[in-house]
Protein backbone atom coordinates (compact mmCIF):
# COMPACT_ATOMS: atom_id res chain seq x y z
CA MET A 1 70.26 81.70 94.02
CA ILE A 2 73.42 79.59 94.36
CA SER A 3 73.68 76.28 96.20
CA LEU A 4 76.75 74.05 96.27
CA GLN A 5 76.62 70.82 98.26
CA LYS A 6 79.89 68.94 98.90
CA VAL A 7 81.29 69.92 95.51
CA GLU A 8 84.71 68.57 94.63
CA LYS A 9 86.95 69.00 91.61
CA LYS A 10 90.09 67.00 90.91
CA PHE A 11 92.61 67.59 88.15
CA GLY A 12 94.41 64.28 88.05
CA ARG A 13 95.58 63.68 91.60
CA ARG A 14 95.37 67.33 92.61
CA ILE A 15 92.23 68.43 94.47
CA ALA A 16 91.38 71.97 93.33
CA VAL A 17 88.12 72.22 95.32
CA HIS A 18 87.39 69.95 98.28
CA GLU A 19 83.80 69.24 99.45
CA LEU A 20 82.69 72.86 99.06
CA THR A 21 79.26 73.66 100.51
CA LEU A 22 78.06 77.20 99.87
CA VAL A 23 74.75 79.09 99.72
CA VAL A 24 74.19 82.56 98.26
CA GLU A 25 70.77 83.99 99.06
CA ARG A 26 68.66 86.09 96.69
CA GLY A 27 69.40 89.82 96.92
CA GLU A 28 72.79 89.73 98.65
CA ILE A 29 76.29 90.67 97.55
CA PHE A 30 78.43 87.69 98.49
CA GLY A 31 82.23 87.73 98.45
CA LEU A 32 84.41 84.75 97.53
CA LEU A 33 87.98 85.24 98.77
CA GLY A 34 91.22 83.35 98.52
CA HIS A 35 94.81 83.54 97.28
CA ASN A 36 95.89 82.50 93.79
CA GLY A 37 95.33 78.76 93.53
CA ALA A 38 92.78 78.68 96.38
CA GLY A 39 90.04 77.35 94.08
CA LYS A 40 87.93 80.49 93.48
CA SER A 41 88.02 80.41 89.69
CA THR A 42 87.51 76.64 89.62
CA ALA A 43 84.45 77.01 91.84
CA ILE A 44 83.03 79.76 89.63
CA GLY A 45 83.80 77.75 86.51
CA MET A 46 81.73 74.89 87.94
CA MET A 47 78.86 77.27 88.74
CA LEU A 48 78.87 78.43 85.11
CA GLY A 49 79.06 74.91 83.71
CA GLN A 50 82.49 75.51 82.17
CA VAL A 51 84.25 73.12 84.56
CA TRP A 52 82.69 69.74 85.32
CA PRO A 53 82.64 68.78 89.00
CA THR A 54 84.14 65.49 90.08
CA GLN A 55 81.33 65.10 92.58
CA GLY A 56 78.66 67.09 94.40
CA GLU A 57 75.57 69.10 93.48
CA ILE A 58 75.50 72.61 92.02
CA LYS A 59 72.22 74.50 91.68
CA ILE A 60 71.87 77.94 90.16
CA CYS A 61 68.48 79.69 90.31
CA GLY A 62 67.01 76.40 91.53
CA HIS A 63 68.26 74.27 88.61
CA ASP A 64 71.03 71.68 88.53
CA VAL A 65 73.87 73.07 86.40
CA THR A 66 75.20 69.68 85.30
CA ALA A 67 71.78 68.33 84.28
CA HIS A 68 70.06 71.51 83.02
CA ARG A 69 72.79 74.03 82.22
CA MET A 70 70.74 76.20 79.82
CA ARG A 71 67.86 76.47 82.27
CA ALA A 72 70.15 77.13 85.25
CA LEU A 73 72.07 79.92 83.52
CA ARG A 74 69.21 81.58 81.65
CA LYS A 75 69.08 84.50 84.09
CA VAL A 76 72.80 84.64 84.89
CA GLY A 77 75.31 87.23 83.72
CA ALA A 78 79.02 86.78 84.34
CA ILE A 79 82.48 88.21 84.01
CA PHE A 80 84.70 85.14 84.25
CA GLU A 81 88.48 85.46 84.25
CA ALA A 82 89.77 88.02 81.69
CA PRO A 83 86.96 89.20 79.38
CA ALA A 84 87.94 88.75 75.72
CA PHE A 85 86.82 91.15 73.00
CA TYR A 86 87.50 91.66 69.32
CA ASP A 87 89.78 94.68 69.55
CA TYR A 88 89.37 95.74 65.92
CA LEU A 89 85.56 95.85 66.23
CA SER A 90 83.47 98.46 68.00
CA GLY A 91 82.06 97.97 71.46
CA TRP A 92 78.58 97.83 69.94
CA ARG A 93 79.54 95.12 67.44
CA ASN A 94 81.21 93.12 70.20
CA LEU A 95 78.00 93.19 72.21
CA GLU A 96 75.99 92.08 69.14
CA ILE A 97 78.30 89.11 68.58
CA LEU A 98 78.57 88.12 72.22
CA SER A 99 74.80 88.26 72.70
CA HIS A 100 74.38 85.40 70.21
CA TYR A 101 76.27 83.07 72.57
CA SER A 102 73.27 83.16 74.90
CA ALA A 103 70.25 84.51 73.00
CA PRO A 104 69.63 87.08 70.25
CA THR A 105 69.38 90.56 71.75
CA SER A 106 67.51 93.52 70.32
CA PRO A 107 69.29 96.78 69.45
CA ALA A 108 67.07 98.45 72.04
CA ARG A 109 68.48 96.20 74.78
CA ILE A 110 72.05 96.84 73.63
CA ARG A 111 71.38 100.58 73.69
CA GLU A 112 69.96 100.23 77.18
CA VAL A 113 73.03 98.50 78.63
CA VAL A 114 75.44 100.82 76.77
CA ASP A 115 73.69 103.81 78.36
CA TRP A 116 73.59 102.11 81.74
CA VAL A 117 77.36 101.46 81.92
CA GLY A 118 78.24 104.92 80.58
CA LEU A 119 79.70 104.04 77.17
CA THR A 120 77.31 106.23 75.18
CA GLY A 121 79.31 108.17 72.60
CA ARG A 122 82.11 105.57 72.47
CA GLU A 123 80.08 102.48 71.59
CA ARG A 124 81.00 102.78 67.88
CA SER A 125 84.74 103.17 68.56
CA PRO A 126 87.09 100.18 68.18
CA VAL A 127 87.68 98.40 71.46
CA LYS A 128 91.44 98.75 70.93
CA THR A 129 90.99 102.47 71.69
CA TYR A 130 89.28 101.79 75.04
CA SER A 131 90.98 102.37 78.38
CA HIS A 132 91.07 99.60 81.01
CA GLY A 133 88.12 101.22 82.73
CA MET A 134 86.08 101.34 79.51
CA ARG A 135 86.85 97.70 78.77
CA ALA A 136 85.64 96.84 82.30
CA ARG A 137 82.41 98.72 81.62
CA LEU A 138 82.01 96.87 78.32
CA ALA A 139 82.40 93.60 80.22
CA ILE A 140 79.64 94.68 82.62
CA ALA A 141 77.47 95.58 79.62
CA GLN A 142 77.98 92.10 78.16
CA ALA A 143 77.03 90.51 81.50
CA LEU A 144 73.82 92.59 81.60
CA LEU A 145 72.61 91.64 78.10
CA PRO A 146 70.47 88.64 79.18
CA GLN A 147 68.69 90.79 81.83
CA PRO A 148 70.12 88.64 84.64
CA GLU A 149 68.84 88.12 88.15
CA LEU A 150 72.24 86.79 89.27
CA LEU A 151 75.58 88.35 88.40
CA ILE A 152 78.85 86.44 88.91
CA LEU A 153 81.93 88.66 88.82
CA ASP A 154 85.39 87.09 88.85
CA GLU A 155 87.98 89.79 89.72
CA PRO A 156 86.05 92.58 87.93
CA ALA A 157 88.52 95.28 89.02
CA ASN A 158 91.61 93.39 87.89
CA GLY A 159 94.12 95.72 86.21
CA LEU A 160 92.22 98.91 87.05
CA ASP A 161 93.80 102.01 88.56
CA PRO A 162 92.40 103.46 91.81
CA GLU A 163 89.91 105.63 89.90
CA GLY A 164 88.75 102.63 87.88
CA ILE A 165 88.41 100.52 91.03
CA ALA A 166 86.23 103.22 92.61
CA GLU A 167 84.08 103.37 89.46
CA MET A 168 83.68 99.59 89.48
CA ARG A 169 82.65 99.68 93.14
CA GLN A 170 80.01 102.32 92.39
CA THR A 171 78.76 100.28 89.43
CA ILE A 172 78.35 97.15 91.57
CA VAL A 173 76.43 99.16 94.19
CA ARG A 174 74.12 100.48 91.46
CA LEU A 175 73.61 97.00 90.01
CA HIS A 176 72.53 95.79 93.41
CA ARG A 177 70.45 98.80 94.43
CA GLU A 178 68.80 99.83 91.15
CA LEU A 179 68.47 96.51 89.34
CA GLY A 180 68.00 94.34 92.43
CA LEU A 181 70.62 91.82 91.32
CA THR A 182 72.11 89.08 93.46
CA ILE A 183 75.89 89.34 93.07
CA LEU A 184 78.68 86.84 93.69
CA LEU A 185 81.96 88.76 93.76
CA SER A 186 85.35 87.07 93.64
CA SER A 187 88.17 89.51 94.41
CA HIS A 188 91.59 89.79 95.97
CA LEU A 189 90.91 93.46 96.83
CA LEU A 190 89.84 92.91 100.41
CA SER A 191 89.03 96.56 101.07
CA GLU A 192 86.53 96.51 98.19
CA VAL A 193 84.94 93.31 99.46
CA GLU A 194 84.73 94.87 102.92
CA HIS A 195 82.79 97.83 101.48
CA LEU A 196 80.51 95.85 99.16
CA CYS A 197 79.67 92.45 100.62
CA SER A 198 77.36 91.47 103.44
CA ARG A 199 78.63 87.86 103.63
CA ILE A 200 81.83 86.15 102.54
CA ALA A 201 83.45 82.76 102.19
CA ILE A 202 87.22 82.24 102.30
CA LEU A 203 88.92 79.41 100.43
CA ASN A 204 92.40 78.14 101.22
CA GLN A 205 93.91 75.38 99.09
CA GLY A 206 90.48 74.42 97.81
CA ARG A 207 88.87 74.18 101.24
CA LYS A 208 86.39 76.58 102.79
CA VAL A 209 87.91 77.90 105.99
CA PHE A 210 85.28 80.54 106.79
CA GLU A 211 81.74 81.51 105.81
CA GLY A 212 79.80 84.25 107.53
CA ARG A 213 78.96 87.93 107.73
CA VAL A 214 81.63 90.56 107.15
CA THR A 215 80.69 92.11 110.49
CA GLU A 216 81.42 88.77 112.15
CA ALA A 217 84.81 88.54 110.46
CA LYS A 218 85.72 92.07 111.52
CA ALA A 219 84.57 91.70 115.10
CA SER A 220 87.43 91.65 117.56
CA ARG A 221 88.02 88.53 119.61
CA GLY A 222 88.21 90.05 123.05
CA ARG A 223 90.39 93.01 122.00
CA VAL A 224 89.16 96.24 123.58
CA MET A 225 90.29 99.86 123.33
CA LEU A 226 90.63 101.46 126.76
CA ALA A 227 91.16 105.22 127.03
CA THR A 228 92.30 106.26 130.49
CA PRO A 229 94.91 108.69 131.90
CA ASP A 230 96.58 105.83 133.79
CA PHE A 231 96.60 102.84 131.43
CA SER A 232 99.40 100.98 133.24
CA ARG A 233 97.58 101.04 136.57
CA ALA A 234 94.27 100.05 134.97
CA ALA A 235 95.83 97.14 133.06
CA ALA A 236 97.67 95.90 136.16
CA LEU A 237 94.45 95.89 138.19
CA LEU A 238 92.47 94.08 135.49
CA ARG A 239 95.20 91.48 135.02
CA GLU A 240 95.52 90.91 138.76
CA ARG A 241 91.77 90.20 138.99
CA GLY A 242 91.78 87.87 135.99
CA VAL A 243 89.61 90.10 133.80
CA ILE A 244 92.19 90.43 131.00
CA THR A 245 94.87 88.12 129.64
CA ASP A 246 97.04 90.73 127.92
CA SER A 247 97.52 94.46 127.41
CA ASN A 248 99.38 96.51 124.84
CA GLU A 249 100.32 100.15 125.29
CA PRO A 250 98.92 102.62 124.81
CA ASN A 251 95.29 101.48 124.98
CA ILE A 252 94.52 97.85 124.05
CA ILE A 253 93.44 95.14 126.50
CA VAL A 254 92.46 91.54 125.75
CA LEU A 255 89.50 90.20 127.73
CA ALA A 256 89.67 86.82 129.41
CA GLU A 257 87.12 84.21 128.32
CA GLY A 258 83.66 85.06 129.63
CA ARG A 259 84.56 88.59 130.70
CA SER A 260 82.75 91.67 129.39
CA ILE A 261 83.40 95.35 128.67
CA ALA A 262 80.73 96.28 131.22
CA GLU A 263 82.63 94.34 133.88
CA VAL A 264 85.83 96.21 133.03
CA ALA A 265 84.04 99.55 133.34
CA ARG A 266 82.54 98.67 136.73
CA MET A 267 85.84 97.43 138.09
CA LEU A 268 87.83 100.49 137.01
CA VAL A 269 85.22 102.97 138.24
CA GLY A 270 85.06 101.07 141.53
CA ALA A 271 88.83 101.44 141.88
CA ASP A 272 88.53 105.19 141.20
CA ILE A 273 90.32 104.92 137.85
CA GLU A 274 88.98 107.40 135.29
CA VAL A 275 87.56 105.79 132.13
CA GLN A 276 87.43 108.14 129.14
CA GLY A 277 86.42 105.52 126.62
CA LEU A 278 85.92 101.77 126.31
CA TRP A 279 84.96 100.02 123.07
CA PRO A 280 85.63 96.82 121.07
CA GLN A 281 88.52 97.03 118.64
CA GLU A 282 87.37 96.26 115.11
CA GLN A 283 89.90 94.52 112.91
CA THR A 284 89.98 94.98 109.15
CA LEU A 285 88.90 92.21 106.82
CA GLU A 286 92.53 91.99 105.70
CA ASP A 287 93.66 91.38 109.30
CA PHE A 288 91.07 88.62 109.69
CA TYR A 289 91.90 87.03 106.33
CA LEU A 290 95.66 86.94 106.90
CA ARG A 291 95.31 85.61 110.44
CA LEU A 292 92.87 82.91 109.30
CA VAL A 293 94.90 81.73 106.31
CA LYS A 294 98.15 81.65 108.28
CA ALA A 295 96.47 79.63 111.03
CA SER A 296 94.97 77.12 108.58
CA PRO A 297 96.69 73.72 108.32
CA HIS A 298 96.36 74.12 104.52
CA ASN A 299 98.33 77.35 104.34
CA SER A 300 100.89 76.51 101.68
CA GLN A 301 100.11 78.49 98.52
CA THR A 302 100.39 77.58 94.90
CA ASN A 303 99.74 79.69 91.81
């Protein structure tokens, strides 16, 4: 659904996005992560044809965005940066006006998306009376007007309270499950990305520093939880035999390269040390992200 090949964007001498290669497959929820100034919004702007790339190829739904923008974006809905509405007009009238930017939309379709996002009964009220959560739902309704196959969401939960964030998460799950949409989600809420996305890419200073499955990002790198009544003795034995490189009370060991959990279990049982539990330690996506960005040579941040 989305294919970027060595895409670069320069603003004067500053490189906002550097040789970005990225693929989002049909049917997945893909997360695009990065700090302010990392290049997320610039990358999305290029996907939507609102920012012109300096070089590289961008294809959306199989069509080149720079050569055939209308064709590429025909089945794309998007929330890009802060959605803007006419506050003195109703939600319904806003949707009527905004639909003309892409293609005329029937009242039946507007009614359908209003019902779908849960604004029925408030669609005739002025947008200035809407809560943040209602405005977010109106933005989703606008993105659904063209009956998209691909949805691009740039910080859709921005400014929402915890209840609104939970509602937005549920909405995205429904969009994916019930409408079968492919979704590209840009967010700084790492816990939400962790719950929603199957694959992610992380940008740092315009460069991709990771792309892969969320499960891969969360997998521990040799860190293992060891439950035993005598942790000190067990850790000393494992370190002496070169099976681990480090241990942290009360129950974390770090495997040496090429060593396995099964080997730890055999060695401890053979030494008559009781093993109550032994399992890989899973890090959070936030742990992985912070460690990765801090370790990157391009770790200075700009807003």
